Protein backbone atom coordinates (compact mmCIF):
# COMPACT_ATOMS: atom_id res chain seq x y z
CA MET A 1 -19.14 -49.68 14.34
CA LYS A 2 -16.20 -49.25 12.00
CA TYR A 3 -15.89 -46.30 9.63
CA TYR A 4 -13.34 -45.68 6.88
CA ILE A 5 -13.04 -42.06 5.70
CA ILE A 6 -11.17 -40.78 2.64
CA ALA A 7 -10.31 -37.09 2.24
CA GLY A 8 -7.60 -35.77 -0.05
CA GLU A 9 -6.91 -32.11 0.71
CA ALA A 10 -6.74 -29.50 3.47
CA SER A 11 -10.45 -28.61 3.44
CA GLY A 12 -11.36 -32.30 3.53
CA ASP A 13 -9.08 -32.76 6.54
CA LEU A 14 -10.91 -29.95 8.35
CA HIS A 15 -14.39 -31.25 7.58
CA GLY A 16 -13.29 -34.83 8.18
CA SER A 17 -11.98 -33.95 11.62
CA ASN A 18 -15.30 -32.41 12.66
CA LEU A 19 -17.15 -35.41 11.23
CA ILE A 20 -14.94 -37.77 13.26
CA LYS A 21 -15.75 -35.85 16.45
CA ALA A 22 -19.47 -36.02 15.64
CA LEU A 23 -19.29 -39.73 14.79
CA LYS A 24 -17.58 -40.49 18.09
CA SER A 25 -20.30 -38.54 19.89
CA ALA A 26 -23.11 -40.33 18.04
CA ASP A 27 -21.40 -43.75 18.26
CA PRO A 28 -19.11 -43.99 21.32
CA GLU A 29 -17.80 -47.36 20.09
CA ALA A 30 -16.79 -45.93 16.71
CA GLU A 31 -13.51 -47.20 15.26
CA ILE A 32 -12.29 -44.88 12.52
CA ARG A 33 -9.54 -45.36 9.95
CA CYS A 34 -8.85 -42.55 7.50
CA TRP A 35 -6.98 -40.87 4.71
CA GLY A 36 -6.68 -37.16 5.48
CA GLY A 37 -4.40 -35.05 7.60
CA ASP A 38 -3.24 -33.98 11.02
CA LEU A 39 -6.65 -32.64 12.06
CA MET A 40 -8.39 -35.96 11.37
CA GLU A 41 -5.69 -37.81 13.26
CA LYS A 42 -5.97 -35.42 16.19
CA ALA A 43 -9.76 -35.89 16.23
CA GLY A 44 -9.29 -39.62 16.81
CA GLY A 45 -8.95 -41.25 13.40
CA THR A 46 -6.16 -43.72 12.64
CA LEU A 47 -4.37 -41.97 9.79
CA VAL A 48 -3.38 -44.25 6.90
CA LYS A 49 -2.01 -41.68 4.46
CA ASN A 50 -1.62 -37.91 4.68
CA TYR A 51 -3.12 -35.75 1.94
CA ARG A 52 0.30 -34.09 1.51
CA GLU A 53 1.30 -37.30 -0.30
CA THR A 54 -1.80 -37.50 -2.49
CA ALA A 55 -2.86 -33.95 -3.50
CA PHE A 56 -2.23 -33.15 -7.17
CA MET A 57 -3.75 -30.05 -8.79
CA GLY A 58 -4.79 -29.72 -12.44
CA PHE A 59 -4.94 -32.07 -15.38
CA LEU A 60 -1.24 -31.88 -16.26
CA GLU A 61 -0.13 -32.50 -12.68
CA VAL A 62 -2.41 -35.53 -12.43
CA LEU A 63 -0.99 -36.98 -15.66
CA LEU A 64 2.57 -36.50 -14.44
CA ASN A 65 1.77 -38.38 -11.23
CA ILE A 66 -0.55 -41.03 -12.63
CA GLY A 67 1.66 -43.89 -11.49
CA VAL A 68 1.61 -42.68 -7.88
CA ILE A 69 -2.16 -42.23 -8.01
CA PHE A 70 -2.82 -45.77 -9.21
CA ARG A 71 -0.47 -47.22 -6.60
CA ASN A 72 -2.41 -45.32 -3.96
CA ILE A 73 -5.69 -46.68 -5.30
CA ARG A 74 -4.43 -50.27 -5.12
CA PHE A 75 -3.11 -49.73 -1.60
CA CYS A 76 -6.36 -48.11 -0.48
CA LYS A 77 -8.47 -51.05 -1.68
CA LYS A 78 -6.29 -53.52 0.20
CA ASP A 79 -6.45 -51.42 3.35
CA ILE A 80 -10.23 -51.11 3.22
CA ALA A 81 -10.65 -54.84 2.68
CA ALA A 82 -8.41 -55.61 5.67
CA PHE A 83 -10.27 -53.13 7.92
CA ASP A 84 -13.72 -54.30 6.73
CA PRO A 85 -15.69 -51.15 7.70
CA ASP A 86 -19.44 -50.93 8.31
CA MET A 87 -19.46 -47.68 6.31
CA LEU A 88 -17.06 -46.18 3.79
CA ILE A 89 -17.25 -42.37 3.78
CA PHE A 90 -15.96 -40.20 0.94
CA ILE A 91 -15.20 -36.49 1.36
CA ASP A 92 -14.96 -34.64 -1.99
CA TYR A 93 -11.69 -35.72 -3.80
CA SER A 94 -13.80 -37.20 -6.59
CA GLY A 95 -11.12 -38.43 -9.01
CA PHE A 96 -9.83 -40.84 -6.40
CA ASN A 97 -12.98 -41.50 -4.39
CA LEU A 98 -15.29 -42.43 -7.25
CA ARG A 99 -12.80 -45.10 -8.35
CA ILE A 100 -12.74 -46.52 -4.84
CA ALA A 101 -16.54 -46.30 -4.64
CA LYS A 102 -16.98 -48.44 -7.76
CA TRP A 103 -14.79 -51.18 -6.30
CA ALA A 104 -16.36 -50.85 -2.84
CA LYS A 105 -19.89 -51.28 -4.15
CA GLN A 106 -18.87 -54.41 -6.02
CA GLU A 107 -17.32 -55.75 -2.82
CA GLY A 108 -20.52 -55.11 -0.87
CA PHE A 109 -19.42 -52.18 1.30
CA LYS A 110 -21.93 -49.48 2.25
CA THR A 111 -20.99 -46.05 0.91
CA THR A 112 -21.72 -42.48 1.94
CA TYR A 113 -20.53 -39.41 0.06
CA TYR A 114 -20.21 -36.39 2.34
CA ILE A 115 -19.46 -33.18 0.43
CA SER A 116 -20.51 -34.02 -3.08
CA PRO A 117 -18.23 -34.12 -6.10
CA GLN A 118 -18.78 -30.92 -8.04
CA ILE A 119 -20.48 -32.60 -10.99
CA TRP A 120 -22.65 -29.50 -11.35
CA ALA A 121 -19.45 -27.76 -12.51
CA SER A 122 -18.01 -30.32 -14.91
CA ARG A 123 -18.36 -33.92 -16.10
CA GLU A 124 -22.00 -34.16 -15.14
CA ASP A 125 -22.11 -37.66 -16.61
CA ARG A 126 -20.50 -38.85 -13.36
CA ILE A 127 -24.04 -38.94 -11.98
CA LYS A 128 -24.28 -42.42 -13.51
CA SER A 129 -21.50 -43.81 -11.33
CA ILE A 130 -22.80 -41.91 -8.29
CA LYS A 131 -26.25 -43.44 -8.68
CA ARG A 132 -24.68 -46.87 -9.11
CA ASP A 133 -22.06 -46.78 -6.36
CA ILE A 134 -23.21 -44.34 -3.63
CA ASP A 135 -25.83 -45.45 -1.12
CA GLN A 136 -26.16 -42.09 0.65
CA MET A 137 -25.29 -38.58 -0.53
CA LEU A 138 -24.96 -35.72 1.96
CA VAL A 139 -24.64 -32.27 0.36
CA ILE A 140 -23.48 -28.99 1.89
CA LEU A 141 -24.49 -26.38 -0.69
CA PRO A 142 -28.14 -25.34 -1.00
CA PHE A 143 -28.34 -25.57 -4.80
CA GLU A 144 -26.99 -29.15 -4.81
CA LYS A 145 -30.21 -30.65 -3.45
CA GLU A 146 -32.22 -29.21 -6.34
CA PHE A 147 -29.52 -30.26 -8.81
CA TYR A 148 -29.53 -33.90 -7.71
CA GLU A 149 -33.20 -34.39 -6.95
CA ASN A 150 -34.94 -32.27 -9.60
CA LYS A 151 -32.52 -32.75 -12.46
CA HIS A 152 -31.25 -36.28 -11.83
CA ARG A 153 -33.89 -37.91 -9.60
CA PHE A 154 -31.27 -38.90 -7.06
CA PRO A 155 -32.28 -38.35 -3.40
CA VAL A 156 -29.79 -36.45 -1.23
CA GLU A 157 -29.76 -34.85 2.21
CA PHE A 158 -28.78 -31.19 2.63
CA VAL A 159 -27.03 -30.96 6.02
CA GLY A 160 -25.75 -27.38 5.85
CA HIS A 161 -22.16 -26.25 5.46
CA PRO A 162 -19.61 -27.55 8.01
CA LEU A 163 -17.52 -24.40 7.72
CA ILE A 164 -20.05 -22.60 9.89
CA ASP A 165 -19.41 -25.07 12.73
CA ALA A 166 -15.66 -25.01 12.17
CA ILE A 167 -15.53 -21.23 12.41
CA GLU A 168 -17.81 -21.02 15.43
CA SER A 169 -15.78 -23.65 17.30
CA MET A 170 -12.45 -21.86 16.85
CA PRO A 171 -11.17 -20.11 19.98
CA ARG A 172 -11.07 -16.36 19.52
CA VAL A 173 -7.79 -14.49 19.70
CA ALA A 174 -7.82 -10.74 20.30
CA ASP A 175 -6.50 -8.63 17.44
CA LYS A 176 -3.68 -7.15 19.55
CA ASP A 177 -2.63 -10.60 20.82
CA PHE A 178 -2.59 -12.11 17.33
CA ARG A 179 -0.47 -9.24 16.05
CA LYS A 180 1.94 -9.46 18.98
CA GLU A 181 2.34 -13.24 18.71
CA ASN A 182 3.20 -12.96 15.01
CA GLN A 183 5.27 -9.77 15.19
CA LEU A 184 2.83 -7.79 13.08
CA ASP A 185 2.41 -4.01 13.05
CA PRO A 186 -0.02 -3.14 15.86
CA GLU A 187 -1.70 -0.36 13.84
CA LYS A 188 -1.76 -1.13 10.13
CA PRO A 189 -4.85 -2.94 8.72
CA ILE A 190 -4.12 -6.45 7.42
CA VAL A 191 -4.52 -7.65 3.85
CA ALA A 192 -4.56 -11.46 4.07
CA LEU A 193 -3.01 -13.45 1.23
CA LEU A 194 -4.40 -16.99 0.81
CA PRO A 195 -2.44 -18.42 -2.13
CA GLY A 196 -3.61 -22.01 -1.66
CA SER A 197 -2.35 -25.21 -0.08
CA ARG A 198 -0.54 -26.83 -3.02
CA LYS A 199 2.89 -26.11 -4.47
CA GLN A 200 1.40 -25.40 -7.89
CA GLU A 201 -0.98 -22.83 -6.43
CA ILE A 202 1.83 -21.04 -4.60
CA LYS A 203 3.85 -20.94 -7.81
CA ASN A 204 0.98 -19.60 -9.90
CA MET A 205 -0.65 -17.15 -7.49
CA LEU A 206 1.71 -15.85 -4.82
CA GLU A 207 4.13 -13.91 -7.02
CA VAL A 208 1.28 -11.86 -8.50
CA MET A 209 -0.25 -11.25 -5.06
CA LEU A 210 3.08 -10.04 -3.67
CA GLY A 211 3.59 -7.82 -6.71
CA ILE A 212 1.14 -5.23 -5.38
CA ALA A 213 2.21 -5.18 -1.71
CA ASP A 214 4.42 -2.08 -2.14
CA ASP A 215 1.52 -0.17 -3.72
CA PHE A 216 -0.42 -0.08 -0.45
CA PRO A 217 2.11 1.07 2.19
CA GLU A 218 -0.64 1.96 4.68
CA TYR A 219 -1.58 -1.76 4.88
CA GLN A 220 0.43 -4.83 5.92
CA PHE A 221 0.26 -7.95 3.77
CA VAL A 222 0.27 -11.30 5.60
CA ILE A 223 0.46 -14.74 3.97
CA ALA A 224 -1.53 -17.65 5.38
CA GLY A 225 1.04 -20.44 5.32
CA ALA A 226 -0.49 -23.81 4.44
CA PRO A 227 0.23 -26.65 6.90
CA SER A 228 0.97 -28.94 3.94
CA LEU A 229 3.90 -26.76 2.84
CA GLY A 230 7.14 -25.85 4.56
CA PRO A 231 8.65 -22.34 4.89
CA ASP A 232 11.05 -23.04 2.03
CA GLU A 233 8.12 -23.10 -0.40
CA TYR A 234 7.53 -19.40 0.33
CA GLN A 235 11.03 -17.98 0.84
CA ASN A 236 11.94 -17.56 -2.84
CA TYR A 237 8.95 -15.26 -3.28
CA LEU A 238 9.58 -13.25 -0.12
CA GLN A 239 13.06 -11.98 -0.97
CA GLY A 240 13.04 -8.20 -0.61
CA LYS A 241 9.37 -8.12 0.39
CA ASN A 242 8.13 -6.63 3.64
CA VAL A 243 5.46 -9.31 3.95
CA ALA A 244 4.78 -11.57 6.94
CA LEU A 245 4.20 -15.31 6.86
CA VAL A 246 1.91 -16.87 9.47
CA TYR A 247 1.56 -20.66 9.80
CA ASN A 248 -1.47 -22.69 10.91
CA ARG A 249 -3.39 -19.54 11.84
CA THR A 250 -5.55 -18.96 8.76
CA TYR A 251 -8.77 -18.47 10.73
CA ASP A 252 -7.10 -16.13 13.20
CA LEU A 253 -5.67 -14.21 10.26
CA LEU A 254 -9.06 -13.89 8.57
CA ARG A 255 -10.71 -12.89 11.83
CA ASN A 256 -8.29 -9.97 12.03
CA ALA A 257 -8.07 -9.12 8.33
CA HIS A 258 -9.43 -6.00 6.66
CA SER A 259 -9.40 -7.45 3.13
CA ALA A 260 -8.03 -10.52 1.34
CA LEU A 261 -6.65 -11.92 -1.91
CA VAL A 262 -7.81 -15.51 -2.12
CA THR A 263 -7.11 -18.45 -4.41
CA SER A 264 -10.33 -20.00 -5.71
CA GLY A 265 -11.59 -22.90 -3.62
CA THR A 266 -13.04 -23.43 -0.17
CA ALA A 267 -11.02 -20.47 1.10
CA THR A 268 -13.30 -18.05 -0.77
CA LEU A 269 -16.25 -19.24 1.31
CA GLU A 270 -14.21 -19.21 4.53
CA THR A 271 -13.22 -15.62 3.83
CA ALA A 272 -16.84 -14.64 3.23
CA LEU A 273 -18.00 -16.27 6.48
CA PHE A 274 -15.40 -14.21 8.35
CA LYS A 275 -16.93 -11.16 6.62
CA VAL A 276 -13.71 -10.14 4.87
CA PRO A 277 -14.04 -8.44 1.46
CA GLN A 278 -11.97 -10.32 -1.11
CA VAL A 279 -10.65 -10.63 -4.63
CA VAL A 280 -10.68 -14.20 -5.95
CA CYS A 281 -7.63 -15.37 -7.91
CA TYR A 282 -6.97 -18.37 -10.11
CA LYS A 283 -4.19 -19.28 -12.52
CA GLY A 284 -3.28 -22.81 -13.63
CA SER A 285 -0.84 -24.24 -16.12
CA TRP A 286 -1.70 -23.34 -19.73
CA ILE A 287 -2.63 -26.91 -20.60
CA SER A 288 -4.76 -27.42 -17.49
CA TYR A 289 -6.58 -24.14 -18.10
CA GLN A 290 -7.29 -24.92 -21.75
CA ILE A 291 -8.80 -28.25 -20.78
CA ALA A 292 -10.75 -26.83 -17.83
CA LYS A 293 -12.42 -24.01 -19.73
CA ARG A 294 -13.74 -26.50 -22.26
CA ILE A 295 -15.42 -28.79 -19.73
CA ILE A 296 -16.46 -26.45 -16.89
CA THR A 297 -19.89 -25.00 -17.60
CA LEU A 298 -20.24 -22.53 -14.72
CA ASP A 299 -20.56 -18.77 -14.89
CA TYR A 300 -18.37 -18.39 -11.79
CA ILE A 301 -15.52 -20.25 -10.09
CA SER A 302 -15.85 -19.01 -6.50
CA LEU A 303 -18.28 -20.63 -4.08
CA VAL A 304 -19.48 -17.21 -2.95
CA ASN A 305 -20.70 -16.27 -6.43
CA LEU A 306 -22.04 -19.74 -7.17
CA ILE A 307 -24.18 -19.81 -4.04
CA MET A 308 -25.43 -16.25 -4.50
CA GLY A 309 -25.95 -16.65 -8.25
CA SER A 310 -24.29 -13.32 -9.01
CA ALA A 311 -20.88 -11.63 -9.14
CA VAL A 312 -20.61 -10.68 -5.48
CA VAL A 313 -16.80 -10.92 -5.51
CA THR A 314 -14.49 -10.15 -8.42
CA GLU A 315 -12.81 -13.18 -10.01
CA LEU A 316 -9.48 -12.72 -11.77
CA ILE A 317 -8.86 -15.84 -13.83
CA GLN A 318 -5.76 -16.90 -15.77
CA GLY A 319 -4.67 -13.97 -17.99
CA ASP A 320 -6.82 -11.52 -16.05
CA LEU A 321 -4.80 -12.29 -12.92
CA ASN A 322 -2.06 -9.71 -13.33
CA ILE A 323 -0.59 -6.95 -11.19
CA LYS A 324 -2.54 -4.15 -12.87
CA ASN A 325 -5.94 -5.79 -12.41
CA LEU A 326 -5.20 -7.04 -8.92
CA ARG A 327 -4.04 -3.62 -7.78
CA LYS A 328 -7.25 -2.05 -9.10
CA GLU A 329 -9.60 -4.62 -7.59
CA LEU A 330 -7.96 -4.59 -4.18
CA GLY A 331 -8.24 -0.81 -4.12
CA LEU A 332 -11.99 -1.09 -4.74
CA ILE A 333 -12.61 -3.24 -1.65
CA LEU A 334 -10.41 -1.41 0.82
CA THR A 335 -13.02 1.35 1.18
CA GLY A 336 -16.17 2.46 -0.61
CA PRO A 337 -19.38 1.04 -2.11
CA GLN A 338 -17.91 -2.20 -3.50
CA ARG A 339 -16.63 -3.13 -0.05
CA ASP A 340 -20.03 -2.33 1.50
CA ALA A 341 -21.84 -4.39 -1.14
CA GLN A 342 -19.70 -7.45 -0.46
CA LEU A 343 -20.30 -7.23 3.28
CA ALA A 344 -24.07 -6.96 2.78
CA ALA A 345 -24.07 -9.96 0.43
CA TYR A 346 -22.10 -12.03 2.96
CA ASP A 347 -24.97 -11.73 5.46
CA GLU A 348 -27.39 -13.14 2.89
CA LEU A 349 -24.91 -15.88 1.97
CA GLU A 350 -24.77 -17.14 5.54
CA LYS A 351 -28.56 -17.42 5.65
CA LYS A 352 -28.55 -19.50 2.46
CA LEU A 353 -26.10 -21.97 3.99
CA GLY A 354 -28.69 -23.09 6.53
CA GLY A 355 -27.03 -22.43 9.87
CA GLY A 356 -24.82 -24.66 12.00
CA GLY A 357 -24.84 -28.33 12.92
CA ALA A 358 -23.73 -29.87 9.60
CA SER A 359 -21.24 -32.34 11.10
CA LYS A 360 -23.73 -33.50 13.74
CA LYS A 361 -26.49 -33.98 11.14
CA ALA A 362 -24.14 -35.85 8.81
CA ALA A 363 -22.90 -38.14 11.57
CA ALA A 364 -26.44 -39.00 12.68
CA LEU A 365 -27.41 -39.98 9.12
CA ILE A 366 -24.22 -42.04 8.66
CA VAL A 367 -24.71 -43.95 11.92
CA GLU A 368 -28.38 -44.52 11.14
CA ASN A 369 -27.57 -46.05 7.75
CA SER A 370 -24.47 -48.06 8.72
């Protein structure tokens, strides 16, 4: 059968790549065309457009690029129609994907949403279009099943979180080898910096993160370079800083990290699954933040806290993300009771996520309903 998958960011590329592998295992004749990234292409999908060309963060950034977005939507519709898939699969990226889903349903294509739009966080009224345009919803967070089925009477399948499979499948690199390969100090504990995968995130978060590096000389700070960004995006911030930059090795970095400063998003959950105590950071443009805080109804922004229903990790948001606060919060998780509490909560978090096999379960349901 023929499958068309649309993902629009780094995390979607990761989960999409594992889904492609599972689809090809469940359906050896599978022909897959996709929007995503290098990982999806490597897994066997024919890549139509890379997420590096389509990822825009925040309300202001979307408005500034609205012309590009609508051209991409028109192109995507034409490409889907020409490919004529048996199943159209959406991975998160709701602003784009829900527009395509509306058109696709009208054109008679079957639709599956894998990794639900976060309508439990904002714009809950999107449930109307989801009910109308999505034939099958596969969710990866335990509270989403209750949200959809009990609150909105929309049946969904909880398949577990694909990050568990992604982490377990990664080859392990010994701490000493990772340090040697990346010219890191063989003795100092590592503080991992995950400033995000978009230019706007680097601009808003990295400078603050680097501002405390000199306050902890007994640790070495290492940036996880995003594959969607080149070295030049980081160099302006690294002038005069004794901080390392490691590319395409985020999981290896987390596996060897003592603590982390992490931009809000999927990376907060990845960090937790690697059992690395963290401080969660977020700062957007003033306009984007003012809009967001008026429509987002959640008590927390990090997936760790949302899943656990409590403040397991500290969140420094907008004005609270400053050098003074970040220095204090990092100090609290380097040693002591706050570090121990996070590590204990991470064990419970992993149990809540339902174990491995998410990609395999999702693929089986997609093939069955195609």
